[in-house]
Amino acid sequence: MENKIEKNLLHVHELLAKGAFIEAMETYLHDEVELTEANEAPKKGKDYCVKFEQDFIDNQLAEFVGYEVGNYAVQGNHSFYDAIMTLKLKDGSTMVSEQVVATEWKDGKIYRERYYHA
């Protein structure tokens, strides 16, 4: 039986698969979210995180190639999944990010999320 977190997670995956990063963030980030890339300091607050992503899209992204999710799991208010994201950047390079995403949910929204990259 699918719970609310699993339903929301699967919708996030649908949005990311079509490159709708801002829509996913606007819909599912908690106002007090903390997003952490690998060992960097967390980005805090929904407004800041959305602006940071939009700046990346506007200034560095040339083409969204794909976002493929592998396995996922949901336990209580936590979810985990692995994915491969491929982007073409304005500098001519291709960025392929293999990652595991660990998420803590609060009130059906992403509250804390950490990306572990390969």
N, C-alpha and C. Protein backbone atom coordinates (compact mmCIF):
# COMPACT_ATOMS: atom_id res chain seq x y z
N MET A 1 0.85 -1.18 0.00
CA MET A 1 0.00 0.00 0.00
C MET A 1 0.90 1.25 0.00
N GLU A 2 0.63 2.13 -0.91
CA GLU A 2 1.43 3.35 -1.07
C GLU A 2 1.01 4.38 -0.02
N ASN A 3 1.99 4.94 0.69
CA ASN A 3 1.67 5.98 1.66
C ASN A 3 1.91 7.36 1.06
N LYS A 4 1.60 8.41 1.81
CA LYS A 4 1.71 9.78 1.30
C LYS A 4 3.15 10.11 0.89
N ILE A 5 4.13 9.71 1.69
CA ILE A 5 5.52 10.00 1.35
C ILE A 5 5.90 9.29 0.05
N GLU A 6 5.53 8.03 -0.08
CA GLU A 6 5.86 7.31 -1.30
C GLU A 6 5.18 7.96 -2.51
N LYS A 7 3.92 8.34 -2.36
CA LYS A 7 3.19 9.00 -3.45
C LYS A 7 3.90 10.29 -3.86
N ASN A 8 4.28 11.10 -2.88
CA ASN A 8 4.96 12.36 -3.17
C ASN A 8 6.33 12.12 -3.79
N LEU A 9 7.05 11.13 -3.27
CA LEU A 9 8.37 10.79 -3.82
C LEU A 9 8.26 10.38 -5.28
N LEU A 10 7.30 9.55 -5.60
CA LEU A 10 7.12 9.10 -6.98
C LEU A 10 6.75 10.28 -7.89
N HIS A 11 5.98 11.23 -7.37
CA HIS A 11 5.67 12.42 -8.18
C HIS A 11 6.91 13.28 -8.37
N VAL A 12 7.74 13.40 -7.34
CA VAL A 12 9.02 14.11 -7.49
C VAL A 12 9.83 13.45 -8.60
N HIS A 13 9.90 12.14 -8.60
CA HIS A 13 10.66 11.42 -9.64
C HIS A 13 10.09 11.71 -11.03
N GLU A 14 8.76 11.74 -11.16
CA GLU A 14 8.14 12.06 -12.45
C GLU A 14 8.55 13.46 -12.92
N LEU A 15 8.52 14.42 -12.01
CA LEU A 15 8.88 15.79 -12.37
C LEU A 15 10.35 15.89 -12.76
N LEU A 16 11.23 15.25 -11.98
CA LEU A 16 12.66 15.30 -12.28
C LEU A 16 12.96 14.62 -13.61
N ALA A 17 12.24 13.54 -13.92
CA ALA A 17 12.48 12.80 -15.16
C ALA A 17 12.20 13.65 -16.39
N LYS A 18 11.35 14.66 -16.25
CA LYS A 18 11.09 15.53 -17.39
C LYS A 18 11.79 16.89 -17.26
N GLY A 19 12.69 17.00 -16.27
CA GLY A 19 13.47 18.22 -16.11
C GLY A 19 12.74 19.36 -15.43
N ALA A 20 11.64 19.07 -14.78
CA ALA A 20 10.84 20.10 -14.10
C ALA A 20 11.36 20.31 -12.67
N PHE A 21 12.62 20.71 -12.58
CA PHE A 21 13.28 20.86 -11.28
C PHE A 21 12.60 21.92 -10.41
N ILE A 22 12.32 23.07 -10.98
CA ILE A 22 11.72 24.16 -10.20
C ILE A 22 10.31 23.78 -9.74
N GLU A 23 9.53 23.16 -10.61
CA GLU A 23 8.19 22.71 -10.22
C GLU A 23 8.26 21.71 -9.07
N ALA A 24 9.20 20.78 -9.14
CA ALA A 24 9.37 19.80 -8.06
C ALA A 24 9.72 20.51 -6.75
N MET A 25 10.63 21.47 -6.84
CA MET A 25 11.05 22.18 -5.63
C MET A 25 9.92 23.03 -5.07
N GLU A 26 9.23 23.76 -5.91
CA GLU A 26 8.14 24.63 -5.45
C GLU A 26 7.02 23.80 -4.81
N THR A 27 6.79 22.62 -5.36
CA THR A 27 5.71 21.76 -4.87
C THR A 27 6.08 21.02 -3.59
N TYR A 28 7.31 20.52 -3.51
CA TYR A 28 7.63 19.57 -2.45
C TYR A 28 8.66 20.01 -1.42
N LEU A 29 9.29 21.15 -1.57
CA LEU A 29 10.22 21.59 -0.53
C LEU A 29 9.46 22.23 0.63
N HIS A 30 9.81 21.83 1.82
CA HIS A 30 9.30 22.45 3.05
C HIS A 30 9.90 23.85 3.14
N ASP A 31 9.17 24.78 3.70
CA ASP A 31 9.68 26.17 3.82
C ASP A 31 11.01 26.23 4.55
N GLU A 32 11.25 25.32 5.50
CA GLU A 32 12.47 25.32 6.30
C GLU A 32 13.46 24.23 5.84
N VAL A 33 13.42 23.88 4.57
CA VAL A 33 14.24 22.81 4.03
C VAL A 33 15.73 23.06 4.19
N GLU A 34 16.48 21.98 4.29
CA GLU A 34 17.95 22.02 4.22
C GLU A 34 18.37 21.00 3.18
N LEU A 35 19.07 21.46 2.14
CA LEU A 35 19.58 20.59 1.08
C LEU A 35 21.09 20.57 1.16
N THR A 36 21.67 19.38 1.21
CA THR A 36 23.12 19.25 1.36
C THR A 36 23.69 18.43 0.21
N GLU A 37 24.64 19.02 -0.51
CA GLU A 37 25.36 18.34 -1.58
C GLU A 37 26.63 17.74 -0.98
N ALA A 38 26.72 16.42 -0.99
CA ALA A 38 27.92 15.73 -0.50
C ALA A 38 28.32 16.29 0.87
N ASN A 39 29.55 16.84 0.98
CA ASN A 39 30.03 17.34 2.27
C ASN A 39 30.00 18.86 2.38
N GLU A 40 29.27 19.52 1.48
CA GLU A 40 29.18 20.98 1.52
C GLU A 40 28.24 21.42 2.64
N ALA A 41 28.29 22.71 2.96
CA ALA A 41 27.35 23.27 3.94
C ALA A 41 25.95 23.22 3.34
N PRO A 42 24.94 22.97 4.17
CA PRO A 42 23.58 22.88 3.64
C PRO A 42 23.07 24.23 3.13
N LYS A 43 22.25 24.16 2.08
CA LYS A 43 21.49 25.32 1.62
C LYS A 43 20.21 25.30 2.42
N LYS A 44 19.84 26.44 3.00
CA LYS A 44 18.70 26.47 3.92
C LYS A 44 17.59 27.38 3.42
N GLY A 45 16.37 26.89 3.55
CA GLY A 45 15.19 27.66 3.20
C GLY A 45 14.73 27.43 1.78
N LYS A 46 13.44 27.24 1.61
CA LYS A 46 12.87 26.95 0.29
C LYS A 46 13.18 28.05 -0.71
N ASP A 47 12.94 29.30 -0.34
CA ASP A 47 13.17 30.41 -1.27
C ASP A 47 14.61 30.45 -1.76
N TYR A 48 15.56 30.28 -0.85
CA TYR A 48 16.98 30.29 -1.22
C TYR A 48 17.30 29.13 -2.15
N CYS A 49 16.81 27.94 -1.83
CA CYS A 49 17.12 26.75 -2.63
C CYS A 49 16.54 26.86 -4.04
N VAL A 50 15.32 27.36 -4.16
CA VAL A 50 14.70 27.53 -5.47
C VAL A 50 15.48 28.56 -6.29
N LYS A 51 15.86 29.68 -5.66
CA LYS A 51 16.64 30.71 -6.36
C LYS A 51 17.99 30.16 -6.81
N PHE A 52 18.65 29.40 -5.95
CA PHE A 52 19.95 28.81 -6.27
C PHE A 52 19.81 27.90 -7.51
N GLU A 53 18.77 27.07 -7.53
CA GLU A 53 18.54 26.16 -8.66
C GLU A 53 18.23 26.95 -9.93
N GLN A 54 17.39 27.97 -9.80
CA GLN A 54 17.03 28.78 -10.97
C GLN A 54 18.26 29.48 -11.54
N ASP A 55 19.13 29.97 -10.67
CA ASP A 55 20.38 30.60 -11.12
C ASP A 55 21.25 29.61 -11.89
N PHE A 56 21.33 28.37 -11.41
CA PHE A 56 22.08 27.33 -12.11
C PHE A 56 21.48 27.08 -13.49
N ILE A 57 20.17 26.95 -13.55
CA ILE A 57 19.48 26.69 -14.82
C ILE A 57 19.72 27.84 -15.79
N ASP A 58 19.58 29.07 -15.31
CA ASP A 58 19.72 30.24 -16.17
C ASP A 58 21.15 30.46 -16.65
N ASN A 59 22.12 30.19 -15.79
CA ASN A 59 23.51 30.57 -16.09
C ASN A 59 24.40 29.43 -16.57
N GLN A 60 24.05 28.18 -16.26
CA GLN A 60 24.96 27.09 -16.60
C GLN A 60 24.35 25.98 -17.45
N LEU A 61 23.05 25.78 -17.37
CA LEU A 61 22.43 24.65 -18.06
C LEU A 61 22.13 24.99 -19.52
N ALA A 62 22.64 24.15 -20.42
CA ALA A 62 22.33 24.30 -21.84
C ALA A 62 21.20 23.36 -22.25
N GLU A 63 21.24 22.12 -21.71
CA GLU A 63 20.24 21.13 -22.10
C GLU A 63 20.07 20.08 -21.01
N PHE A 64 18.84 19.80 -20.68
CA PHE A 64 18.52 18.69 -19.79
C PHE A 64 18.50 17.42 -20.64
N VAL A 65 19.32 16.44 -20.28
CA VAL A 65 19.40 15.18 -21.04
C VAL A 65 18.52 14.12 -20.39
N GLY A 66 18.65 13.94 -19.07
CA GLY A 66 17.83 12.92 -18.43
C GLY A 66 18.06 12.79 -16.94
N TYR A 67 17.08 12.20 -16.28
CA TYR A 67 17.14 11.89 -14.85
C TYR A 67 16.49 10.54 -14.69
N GLU A 68 17.29 9.52 -14.39
CA GLU A 68 16.79 8.15 -14.27
C GLU A 68 16.92 7.67 -12.84
N VAL A 69 15.80 7.27 -12.27
CA VAL A 69 15.79 6.75 -10.91
C VAL A 69 15.88 5.23 -10.96
N GLY A 70 16.72 4.69 -10.09
CA GLY A 70 16.84 3.24 -9.98
C GLY A 70 15.93 2.73 -8.90
N ASN A 71 16.52 2.31 -7.81
CA ASN A 71 15.77 1.75 -6.68
C ASN A 71 15.40 2.85 -5.69
N TYR A 72 14.32 2.62 -4.95
CA TYR A 72 13.96 3.54 -3.88
C TYR A 72 13.37 2.75 -2.73
N ALA A 73 13.39 3.39 -1.56
CA ALA A 73 12.79 2.80 -0.37
C ALA A 73 12.20 3.91 0.48
N VAL A 74 11.12 3.58 1.17
CA VAL A 74 10.47 4.52 2.09
C VAL A 74 10.29 3.79 3.41
N GLN A 75 10.73 4.44 4.49
CA GLN A 75 10.55 3.87 5.84
C GLN A 75 10.19 5.02 6.76
N GLY A 76 9.01 4.99 7.32
CA GLY A 76 8.58 6.08 8.19
C GLY A 76 8.58 7.40 7.44
N ASN A 77 9.29 8.40 7.98
CA ASN A 77 9.35 9.70 7.32
C ASN A 77 10.67 9.89 6.56
N HIS A 78 11.29 8.78 6.15
CA HIS A 78 12.54 8.83 5.39
C HIS A 78 12.40 8.08 4.07
N SER A 79 13.09 8.60 3.06
CA SER A 79 13.16 7.89 1.79
C SER A 79 14.59 7.93 1.28
N PHE A 80 14.90 6.95 0.45
CA PHE A 80 16.22 6.84 -0.16
C PHE A 80 16.02 6.39 -1.60
N TYR A 81 16.83 6.92 -2.51
CA TYR A 81 16.81 6.41 -3.88
C TYR A 81 18.13 6.70 -4.56
N ASP A 82 18.38 5.94 -5.63
CA ASP A 82 19.56 6.19 -6.43
C ASP A 82 19.11 6.69 -7.80
N ALA A 83 19.93 7.58 -8.40
CA ALA A 83 19.56 8.18 -9.68
C ALA A 83 20.82 8.57 -10.45
N ILE A 84 20.62 8.73 -11.75
CA ILE A 84 21.67 9.26 -12.62
C ILE A 84 21.07 10.45 -13.36
N MET A 85 21.72 11.60 -13.20
CA MET A 85 21.28 12.83 -13.86
C MET A 85 22.33 13.22 -14.89
N THR A 86 21.87 13.53 -16.09
CA THR A 86 22.78 13.95 -17.16
C THR A 86 22.34 15.30 -17.70
N LEU A 87 23.28 16.24 -17.71
CA LEU A 87 23.01 17.61 -18.17
C LEU A 87 24.12 18.04 -19.12
N LYS A 88 23.77 18.83 -20.11
CA LYS A 88 24.78 19.49 -20.94
C LYS A 88 24.86 20.93 -20.46
N LEU A 89 26.10 21.39 -20.22
CA LEU A 89 26.30 22.71 -19.68
C LEU A 89 26.70 23.70 -20.78
N LYS A 90 26.52 24.97 -20.48
CA LYS A 90 26.82 26.02 -21.45
C LYS A 90 28.29 26.08 -21.83
N ASP A 91 29.16 25.55 -20.97
CA ASP A 91 30.59 25.56 -21.30
C ASP A 91 30.97 24.42 -22.26
N GLY A 92 29.96 23.65 -22.71
CA GLY A 92 30.19 22.57 -23.65
C GLY A 92 30.41 21.21 -23.01
N SER A 93 30.54 21.15 -21.71
CA SER A 93 30.76 19.89 -21.02
C SER A 93 29.43 19.18 -20.74
N THR A 94 29.55 17.89 -20.48
CA THR A 94 28.39 17.09 -20.07
C THR A 94 28.62 16.68 -18.62
N MET A 95 27.63 16.91 -17.79
CA MET A 95 27.70 16.55 -16.38
C MET A 95 26.84 15.30 -16.16
N VAL A 96 27.47 14.24 -15.68
CA VAL A 96 26.75 13.03 -15.32
C VAL A 96 26.94 12.84 -13.82
N SER A 97 25.85 12.90 -13.10
CA SER A 97 25.90 12.78 -11.64
C SER A 97 25.18 11.51 -11.22
N GLU A 98 25.96 10.55 -10.70
CA GLU A 98 25.37 9.35 -10.10
C GLU A 98 25.24 9.65 -8.62
N GLN A 99 24.05 9.47 -8.09
CA GLN A 99 23.83 9.88 -6.70
C GLN A 99 22.86 8.98 -5.97
N VAL A 100 23.01 9.02 -4.65
CA VAL A 100 22.02 8.46 -3.75
C VAL A 100 21.45 9.64 -2.99
N VAL A 101 20.14 9.67 -2.88
CA VAL A 101 19.46 10.79 -2.24
C VAL A 101 18.76 10.27 -0.98
N ALA A 102 19.11 10.87 0.15
CA ALA A 102 18.50 10.52 1.44
C ALA A 102 17.64 11.69 1.89
N THR A 103 16.37 11.42 2.15
CA THR A 103 15.42 12.49 2.44
C THR A 103 14.68 12.24 3.74
N GLU A 104 14.54 13.30 4.52
CA GLU A 104 13.63 13.30 5.68
C GLU A 104 12.44 14.17 5.30
N TRP A 105 11.25 13.65 5.47
CA TRP A 105 10.02 14.34 5.11
C TRP A 105 9.33 14.88 6.36
N LYS A 106 8.66 16.01 6.20
CA LYS A 106 7.88 16.60 7.29
C LYS A 106 6.63 17.22 6.67
N ASP A 107 5.47 16.83 7.15
CA ASP A 107 4.20 17.34 6.64
C ASP A 107 4.06 17.10 5.14
N GLY A 108 4.58 15.96 4.65
CA GLY A 108 4.47 15.62 3.24
C GLY A 108 5.42 16.37 2.33
N LYS A 109 6.36 17.10 2.92
CA LYS A 109 7.32 17.90 2.16
C LYS A 109 8.74 17.46 2.49
N ILE A 110 9.67 17.77 1.58
CA ILE A 110 11.08 17.47 1.78
C ILE A 110 11.63 18.46 2.81
N TYR A 111 12.05 17.92 3.95
CA TYR A 111 12.53 18.76 5.05
C TYR A 111 14.05 18.82 5.10
N ARG A 112 14.68 17.67 5.00
CA ARG A 112 16.15 17.60 4.91
C ARG A 112 16.48 16.60 3.82
N GLU A 113 17.42 16.98 2.96
CA GLU A 113 17.79 16.09 1.88
C GLU A 113 19.29 16.20 1.66
N ARG A 114 19.91 15.03 1.46
CA ARG A 114 21.35 15.00 1.22
C ARG A 114 21.63 14.16 -0.01
N TYR A 115 22.53 14.68 -0.85
CA TYR A 115 22.90 14.02 -2.10
C TYR A 115 24.31 13.49 -1.95
N TYR A 116 24.46 12.19 -2.14
CA TYR A 116 25.77 11.54 -2.11
C TYR A 116 26.14 11.22 -3.55
N HIS A 117 27.21 11.84 -4.04
CA HIS A 117 27.59 11.75 -5.46
C HIS A 117 28.73 10.78 -5.69
N ALA A 118 28.71 10.15 -6.88
CA ALA A 118 29.83 9.34 -7.33
C ALA A 118 30.50 10.05 -8.49
